[in-house]
N, C-alpha and C. Protein backbone atom coordinates (compact mmCIF):
# COMPACT_ATOMS: atom_id res chain seq x y z
N MET A 1 0.86 -1.21 0.01
CA MET A 1 0.02 0.00 0.00
C MET A 1 0.88 1.26 -0.03
N SER A 2 0.59 2.19 -0.88
CA SER A 2 1.38 3.38 -0.94
C SER A 2 0.70 4.51 -0.15
N LEU A 3 1.42 5.60 0.00
CA LEU A 3 0.87 6.69 0.74
C LEU A 3 -0.35 7.26 -0.01
N PHE A 4 -0.36 7.23 -1.33
CA PHE A 4 -1.47 7.70 -2.09
C PHE A 4 -2.71 6.82 -1.84
N ASP A 5 -2.50 5.51 -1.64
CA ASP A 5 -3.59 4.64 -1.31
C ASP A 5 -4.25 5.03 -0.02
N ALA A 6 -3.41 5.35 0.97
CA ALA A 6 -3.89 5.73 2.31
C ALA A 6 -4.70 7.01 2.19
N ILE A 7 -4.27 7.94 1.38
CA ILE A 7 -4.99 9.23 1.21
C ILE A 7 -6.35 8.92 0.48
N GLY A 8 -6.35 8.04 -0.51
CA GLY A 8 -7.55 7.71 -1.22
C GLY A 8 -8.56 7.03 -0.33
N ILE A 9 -8.11 6.12 0.53
CA ILE A 9 -8.98 5.45 1.50
C ILE A 9 -9.56 6.41 2.46
N SER A 10 -8.75 7.33 3.02
CA SER A 10 -9.27 8.27 3.96
C SER A 10 -10.22 9.27 3.35
N SER A 11 -9.91 9.66 2.12
CA SER A 11 -10.80 10.65 1.43
C SER A 11 -12.16 10.02 1.11
N SER A 12 -12.19 8.67 0.83
CA SER A 12 -13.47 7.98 0.62
C SER A 12 -14.25 7.98 1.91
N GLY A 13 -13.57 7.79 3.02
CA GLY A 13 -14.22 7.88 4.32
C GLY A 13 -14.80 9.23 4.66
N MET A 14 -14.07 10.27 4.27
CA MET A 14 -14.49 11.65 4.46
C MET A 14 -15.76 11.93 3.61
N THR A 15 -15.74 11.45 2.39
CA THR A 15 -16.87 11.62 1.49
C THR A 15 -18.12 10.94 2.06
N ALA A 16 -17.93 9.65 2.54
CA ALA A 16 -19.06 8.93 3.08
C ALA A 16 -19.58 9.60 4.31
N GLN A 17 -18.73 10.12 5.17
CA GLN A 17 -19.21 10.75 6.40
C GLN A 17 -19.87 12.10 6.08
N GLN A 18 -19.44 12.77 5.05
CA GLN A 18 -20.12 14.01 4.64
C GLN A 18 -21.55 13.72 4.21
N LEU A 19 -21.74 12.64 3.42
CA LEU A 19 -23.07 12.27 3.06
C LEU A 19 -23.95 11.88 4.24
N ARG A 20 -23.29 11.23 5.19
CA ARG A 20 -24.01 10.80 6.44
C ARG A 20 -24.48 12.05 7.15
N VAL A 21 -23.62 13.03 7.28
CA VAL A 21 -24.04 14.34 7.91
C VAL A 21 -25.20 14.97 7.12
N ASP A 22 -25.19 14.93 5.83
CA ASP A 22 -26.26 15.51 5.02
C ASP A 22 -27.55 14.77 5.29
N VAL A 23 -27.51 13.43 5.42
CA VAL A 23 -28.75 12.68 5.64
C VAL A 23 -29.21 12.98 7.05
N ILE A 24 -28.38 13.04 8.03
CA ILE A 24 -28.76 13.32 9.41
C ILE A 24 -29.38 14.75 9.48
N SER A 25 -28.75 15.70 8.76
CA SER A 25 -29.30 17.06 8.79
C SER A 25 -30.75 17.05 8.17
N ASN A 26 -30.96 16.30 7.10
CA ASN A 26 -32.28 16.18 6.51
C ASN A 26 -33.28 15.57 7.45
N ASN A 27 -32.83 14.56 8.27
CA ASN A 27 -33.65 13.93 9.21
C ASN A 27 -34.13 14.94 10.30
N ILE A 28 -33.14 15.70 10.78
CA ILE A 28 -33.45 16.68 11.87
C ILE A 28 -34.36 17.74 11.32
N ALA A 29 -34.11 18.23 10.08
CA ALA A 29 -34.96 19.25 9.47
C ALA A 29 -36.39 18.80 9.29
N ASN A 30 -36.60 17.51 9.12
CA ASN A 30 -37.99 16.98 8.87
C ASN A 30 -38.57 16.26 10.12
N ALA A 31 -38.01 16.53 11.26
CA ALA A 31 -38.47 15.85 12.50
C ALA A 31 -39.91 16.15 12.84
N ASN A 32 -40.48 17.23 12.27
CA ASN A 32 -41.86 17.54 12.58
C ASN A 32 -42.72 17.58 11.33
N THR A 33 -42.27 17.02 10.19
CA THR A 33 -42.97 17.03 8.96
C THR A 33 -44.07 15.90 8.96
N THR A 34 -45.32 16.31 9.00
CA THR A 34 -46.37 15.32 9.09
C THR A 34 -47.05 15.06 7.68
N ARG A 35 -46.60 15.82 6.70
CA ARG A 35 -47.21 15.60 5.38
C ARG A 35 -46.09 15.72 4.30
N THR A 36 -45.93 14.60 3.57
CA THR A 36 -44.99 14.55 2.48
C THR A 36 -45.68 14.34 1.15
N PRO A 37 -44.97 14.59 0.06
CA PRO A 37 -45.59 14.36 -1.26
C PRO A 37 -46.09 12.93 -1.49
N GLU A 38 -45.38 11.96 -0.83
CA GLU A 38 -45.81 10.57 -0.94
C GLU A 38 -46.99 10.25 -0.07
N GLY A 39 -47.37 11.15 0.84
CA GLY A 39 -48.44 10.95 1.77
C GLY A 39 -47.95 10.47 3.13
N GLY A 40 -48.52 10.95 4.17
CA GLY A 40 -48.05 10.55 5.50
C GLY A 40 -46.86 11.32 5.97
N PRO A 41 -46.41 11.02 7.19
CA PRO A 41 -45.24 11.68 7.77
C PRO A 41 -43.94 11.28 7.12
N TYR A 42 -42.92 12.12 7.37
CA TYR A 42 -41.60 11.86 6.86
C TYR A 42 -41.03 10.63 7.55
N ARG A 43 -40.29 9.84 6.79
CA ARG A 43 -39.60 8.64 7.37
C ARG A 43 -38.13 8.96 7.43
N ARG A 44 -37.52 8.64 8.55
CA ARG A 44 -36.06 8.78 8.76
C ARG A 44 -35.28 8.03 7.71
N GLU A 45 -34.22 8.60 7.26
CA GLU A 45 -33.35 7.96 6.27
C GLU A 45 -32.06 7.53 6.90
N ILE A 46 -31.51 6.40 6.36
CA ILE A 46 -30.26 5.83 6.89
C ILE A 46 -29.31 5.56 5.72
N PRO A 47 -28.08 6.03 5.73
CA PRO A 47 -27.17 5.68 4.66
C PRO A 47 -26.56 4.28 4.89
N ILE A 48 -26.40 3.55 3.87
CA ILE A 48 -25.79 2.20 3.91
C ILE A 48 -24.43 2.26 3.32
N PHE A 49 -23.42 1.89 4.10
CA PHE A 49 -22.03 1.89 3.65
C PHE A 49 -21.61 0.47 3.27
N ALA A 50 -20.61 0.38 2.41
CA ALA A 50 -20.03 -0.91 2.06
C ALA A 50 -18.55 -0.69 1.77
N GLU A 51 -17.77 -1.74 1.95
CA GLU A 51 -16.40 -1.67 1.71
C GLU A 51 -16.12 -1.56 0.17
N ARG A 52 -15.19 -0.76 -0.15
CA ARG A 52 -14.81 -0.53 -1.57
C ARG A 52 -13.54 -1.37 -1.80
N PHE A 53 -13.47 -2.05 -2.97
CA PHE A 53 -12.30 -2.87 -3.28
C PHE A 53 -11.61 -2.36 -4.56
N ALA A 54 -10.36 -2.73 -4.66
CA ALA A 54 -9.55 -2.37 -5.85
C ALA A 54 -8.80 -3.65 -6.31
N ALA A 55 -8.73 -3.83 -7.62
CA ALA A 55 -8.04 -4.96 -8.16
C ALA A 55 -6.57 -4.62 -8.26
N THR A 56 -5.74 -5.58 -7.80
CA THR A 56 -4.26 -5.40 -7.90
C THR A 56 -3.66 -6.65 -8.48
N MET A 57 -2.39 -6.64 -8.63
CA MET A 57 -1.72 -7.87 -9.15
C MET A 57 -1.82 -9.01 -8.16
N ASN A 58 -2.01 -8.70 -6.90
CA ASN A 58 -2.11 -9.70 -5.82
C ASN A 58 -3.57 -10.05 -5.55
N GLY A 59 -4.46 -9.60 -6.38
CA GLY A 59 -5.91 -9.91 -6.13
C GLY A 59 -6.66 -8.65 -5.79
N VAL A 60 -7.75 -8.85 -5.13
CA VAL A 60 -8.63 -7.75 -4.74
C VAL A 60 -8.31 -7.35 -3.29
N VAL A 61 -8.13 -6.05 -3.08
CA VAL A 61 -7.78 -5.56 -1.74
C VAL A 61 -8.77 -4.47 -1.32
N PRO A 62 -9.03 -4.34 -0.02
CA PRO A 62 -9.90 -3.23 0.47
C PRO A 62 -9.27 -1.91 0.02
N ASN A 63 -10.19 -0.99 -0.36
CA ASN A 63 -9.72 0.31 -0.82
C ASN A 63 -10.60 1.42 -0.43
N GLY A 64 -11.18 1.36 0.76
CA GLY A 64 -11.98 2.44 1.27
C GLY A 64 -13.45 2.03 1.49
N VAL A 65 -14.30 3.04 1.48
CA VAL A 65 -15.70 2.87 1.75
C VAL A 65 -16.56 3.59 0.72
N LYS A 66 -17.76 3.05 0.45
CA LYS A 66 -18.63 3.75 -0.49
C LYS A 66 -20.07 3.72 0.11
N VAL A 67 -20.85 4.65 -0.27
CA VAL A 67 -22.27 4.64 0.04
C VAL A 67 -23.05 3.82 -0.98
N VAL A 68 -23.66 2.76 -0.52
CA VAL A 68 -24.43 1.85 -1.44
C VAL A 68 -25.78 2.49 -1.80
N LYS A 69 -26.45 2.97 -0.77
CA LYS A 69 -27.75 3.62 -0.97
C LYS A 69 -28.25 4.21 0.33
N VAL A 70 -29.25 5.01 0.24
CA VAL A 70 -29.91 5.59 1.41
C VAL A 70 -31.31 4.97 1.51
N VAL A 71 -31.57 4.37 2.66
CA VAL A 71 -32.85 3.66 2.82
C VAL A 71 -33.74 4.33 3.85
N GLU A 72 -35.01 4.10 3.81
CA GLU A 72 -35.93 4.59 4.80
C GLU A 72 -35.96 3.68 6.00
N ASP A 73 -35.96 4.26 7.17
CA ASP A 73 -36.14 3.51 8.42
C ASP A 73 -37.62 3.09 8.57
N LYS A 74 -37.80 1.77 8.68
CA LYS A 74 -39.16 1.23 8.75
C LYS A 74 -39.77 1.22 10.15
N ALA A 75 -39.11 1.87 11.06
CA ALA A 75 -39.60 1.94 12.47
C ALA A 75 -40.98 2.64 12.43
N PRO A 76 -41.86 2.26 13.38
CA PRO A 76 -43.18 2.81 13.35
C PRO A 76 -43.18 4.36 13.63
N PHE A 77 -44.23 5.01 13.18
CA PHE A 77 -44.36 6.43 13.45
C PHE A 77 -44.75 6.63 14.89
N GLN A 78 -44.47 7.81 15.42
CA GLN A 78 -44.94 8.19 16.75
C GLN A 78 -46.31 8.81 16.63
N LYS A 79 -47.12 8.64 17.59
CA LYS A 79 -48.48 9.23 17.61
C LYS A 79 -48.55 10.17 18.79
N ILE A 80 -49.00 11.42 18.49
CA ILE A 80 -49.25 12.36 19.58
C ILE A 80 -50.69 12.81 19.51
N TYR A 81 -51.22 13.17 20.65
CA TYR A 81 -52.60 13.65 20.69
C TYR A 81 -52.64 15.12 20.47
N ASP A 82 -53.25 15.53 19.36
CA ASP A 82 -53.36 16.95 19.03
C ASP A 82 -54.59 17.09 18.07
N PRO A 83 -55.79 17.13 18.69
CA PRO A 83 -57.02 17.18 17.84
C PRO A 83 -57.13 18.49 17.04
N THR A 84 -56.32 19.51 17.35
CA THR A 84 -56.40 20.76 16.56
C THR A 84 -55.52 20.73 15.30
N ASN A 85 -54.67 19.70 15.16
CA ASN A 85 -53.82 19.59 13.98
C ASN A 85 -54.63 19.13 12.78
N PRO A 86 -54.46 19.71 11.66
CA PRO A 86 -55.25 19.32 10.46
C PRO A 86 -54.93 17.92 10.00
N ASP A 87 -53.80 17.31 10.46
CA ASP A 87 -53.43 15.98 10.05
C ASP A 87 -53.87 14.94 11.06
N ALA A 88 -54.63 15.39 12.06
CA ALA A 88 -55.11 14.44 13.09
C ALA A 88 -56.17 13.48 12.54
N ASP A 89 -56.16 12.23 13.07
CA ASP A 89 -57.17 11.25 12.65
C ASP A 89 -58.47 11.58 13.43
N LYS A 90 -59.42 10.67 13.24
CA LYS A 90 -60.73 10.91 13.86
C LYS A 90 -60.69 10.84 15.39
N ASP A 91 -59.63 10.23 15.94
CA ASP A 91 -59.46 10.16 17.39
C ASP A 91 -58.61 11.29 17.96
N GLY A 92 -58.10 12.17 17.02
CA GLY A 92 -57.28 13.31 17.51
C GLY A 92 -55.79 13.07 17.56
N TYR A 93 -55.37 11.90 17.06
CA TYR A 93 -53.91 11.57 17.03
C TYR A 93 -53.24 11.93 15.70
N VAL A 94 -52.06 12.42 15.78
CA VAL A 94 -51.30 12.83 14.60
C VAL A 94 -50.13 11.86 14.54
N LYS A 95 -49.89 11.27 13.34
CA LYS A 95 -48.70 10.48 13.14
C LYS A 95 -47.55 11.40 12.88
N MET A 96 -46.50 11.29 13.71
CA MET A 96 -45.30 12.07 13.58
C MET A 96 -44.14 11.22 13.04
N PRO A 97 -43.17 11.88 12.44
CA PRO A 97 -42.01 11.17 11.83
C PRO A 97 -41.34 10.24 12.88
N ASN A 98 -40.73 9.22 12.38
CA ASN A 98 -39.98 8.27 13.25
C ASN A 98 -38.53 8.79 13.52
N VAL A 99 -38.39 10.12 13.63
CA VAL A 99 -37.11 10.74 13.85
C VAL A 99 -36.95 11.03 15.35
N ASN A 100 -35.88 10.56 16.00
CA ASN A 100 -35.56 10.92 17.35
C ASN A 100 -34.37 11.89 17.27
N VAL A 101 -34.64 13.14 17.57
CA VAL A 101 -33.62 14.18 17.38
C VAL A 101 -32.39 13.92 18.24
N LEU A 102 -32.57 13.38 19.43
CA LEU A 102 -31.41 13.03 20.31
C LEU A 102 -30.54 12.00 19.64
N ARG A 103 -31.15 10.96 19.08
CA ARG A 103 -30.37 9.93 18.42
C ARG A 103 -29.66 10.51 17.17
N GLU A 104 -30.32 11.41 16.47
CA GLU A 104 -29.68 12.04 15.30
C GLU A 104 -28.48 12.86 15.69
N MET A 105 -28.55 13.54 16.83
CA MET A 105 -27.45 14.36 17.26
C MET A 105 -26.28 13.49 17.67
N VAL A 106 -26.54 12.32 18.32
CA VAL A 106 -25.46 11.41 18.64
C VAL A 106 -24.83 10.88 17.41
N ASP A 107 -25.63 10.51 16.34
CA ASP A 107 -25.08 10.07 15.09
C ASP A 107 -24.27 11.14 14.39
N LEU A 108 -24.70 12.39 14.52
CA LEU A 108 -24.02 13.51 13.96
C LEU A 108 -22.64 13.68 14.60
N ILE A 109 -22.55 13.54 15.90
CA ILE A 109 -21.26 13.65 16.59
C ILE A 109 -20.37 12.51 16.14
N ALA A 110 -20.90 11.30 16.01
CA ALA A 110 -20.12 10.18 15.56
C ALA A 110 -19.58 10.39 14.15
N ALA A 111 -20.44 10.91 13.25
CA ALA A 111 -19.97 11.17 11.87
C ALA A 111 -18.90 12.26 11.86
N GLN A 112 -19.08 13.28 12.67
CA GLN A 112 -18.05 14.33 12.76
C GLN A 112 -16.73 13.73 13.22
N ARG A 113 -16.72 12.93 14.18
CA ARG A 113 -15.52 12.30 14.74
C ARG A 113 -14.83 11.39 13.69
N SER A 114 -15.63 10.69 12.98
CA SER A 114 -15.13 9.82 11.91
C SER A 114 -14.49 10.70 10.79
N TYR A 115 -15.15 11.75 10.44
CA TYR A 115 -14.61 12.66 9.42
C TYR A 115 -13.25 13.18 9.93
N GLU A 116 -13.23 13.68 11.18
CA GLU A 116 -11.94 14.19 11.73
C GLU A 116 -10.85 13.18 11.76
N ALA A 117 -11.19 11.94 12.08
CA ALA A 117 -10.19 10.83 12.14
C ALA A 117 -9.58 10.65 10.72
N ASN A 118 -10.41 10.63 9.71
CA ASN A 118 -9.89 10.47 8.34
C ASN A 118 -9.08 11.69 7.93
N ALA A 119 -9.45 12.91 8.34
CA ALA A 119 -8.68 14.09 8.06
C ALA A 119 -7.30 14.04 8.72
N THR A 120 -7.28 13.49 9.95
CA THR A 120 -6.02 13.29 10.68
C THR A 120 -5.07 12.30 9.93
N VAL A 121 -5.68 11.24 9.42
CA VAL A 121 -4.88 10.28 8.69
C VAL A 121 -4.22 10.94 7.48
N ILE A 122 -5.02 11.74 6.75
CA ILE A 122 -4.43 12.42 5.60
C ILE A 122 -3.31 13.39 6.01
N SER A 123 -3.55 14.10 7.09
CA SER A 123 -2.48 14.99 7.62
C SER A 123 -1.24 14.24 7.95
N ASN A 124 -1.38 13.09 8.65
CA ASN A 124 -0.24 12.33 9.05
C ASN A 124 0.49 11.70 7.79
N VAL A 125 -0.24 11.29 6.81
CA VAL A 125 0.42 10.77 5.55
C VAL A 125 1.19 11.88 4.88
N LYS A 126 0.61 13.05 4.83
CA LYS A 126 1.35 14.19 4.26
C LYS A 126 2.64 14.46 4.99
N ALA A 127 2.58 14.39 6.33
CA ALA A 127 3.76 14.58 7.17
C ALA A 127 4.80 13.53 6.91
N MET A 128 4.34 12.26 6.79
CA MET A 128 5.27 11.20 6.47
C MET A 128 5.90 11.34 5.10
N ALA A 129 5.13 11.77 4.12
CA ALA A 129 5.70 11.99 2.76
C ALA A 129 6.71 13.12 2.81
N SER A 130 6.45 14.12 3.57
CA SER A 130 7.40 15.25 3.74
C SER A 130 8.65 14.84 4.37
N ALA A 131 8.59 13.99 5.41
CA ALA A 131 9.74 13.44 6.07
C ALA A 131 10.53 12.55 5.16
N ALA A 132 9.88 11.80 4.32
CA ALA A 132 10.60 10.93 3.39
C ALA A 132 11.33 11.76 2.42
N VAL A 133 10.80 12.86 1.96
CA VAL A 133 11.50 13.70 1.00
C VAL A 133 12.70 14.38 1.70
N GLN A 134 12.55 14.73 2.97
CA GLN A 134 13.68 15.27 3.68
C GLN A 134 14.84 14.29 3.86
N ILE A 135 14.47 13.07 4.12
CA ILE A 135 15.45 12.00 4.26
C ILE A 135 16.21 11.79 2.93
N GLY A 136 15.50 11.86 1.85
CA GLY A 136 16.07 11.64 0.54
C GLY A 136 16.96 12.73 0.05
N ARG A 137 16.98 13.86 0.72
CA ARG A 137 17.86 14.97 0.27
C ARG A 137 19.24 14.81 0.63
């Protein structure tokens, strides 16, 4: 594995975590959306990651991460009693999105830490490359 491979792997991780942050932000923004174009409340979305591989002379080797797709969370909707809401059913209950803002904030912190870890790897690889150039002089 070369230094460039390490940078590529870490940059794929940063790209994946950035998409994760975007999905989490969308979930938080829609935490109170009771009406969507598809009908019903907003469903929480979850990004699905998979290992990325590269073909080499020695076979196939891991080469980072990729986002396979973003799926909807099938968890049940929350129901709150609010008979004044126009989306309330005949019993006065409103179906709310299956978004837990606290959970989203925890996921957001985890995504941020993962992004920072990958950025640190790239910084360290750059420092190692610089040191190698200094040794070679």
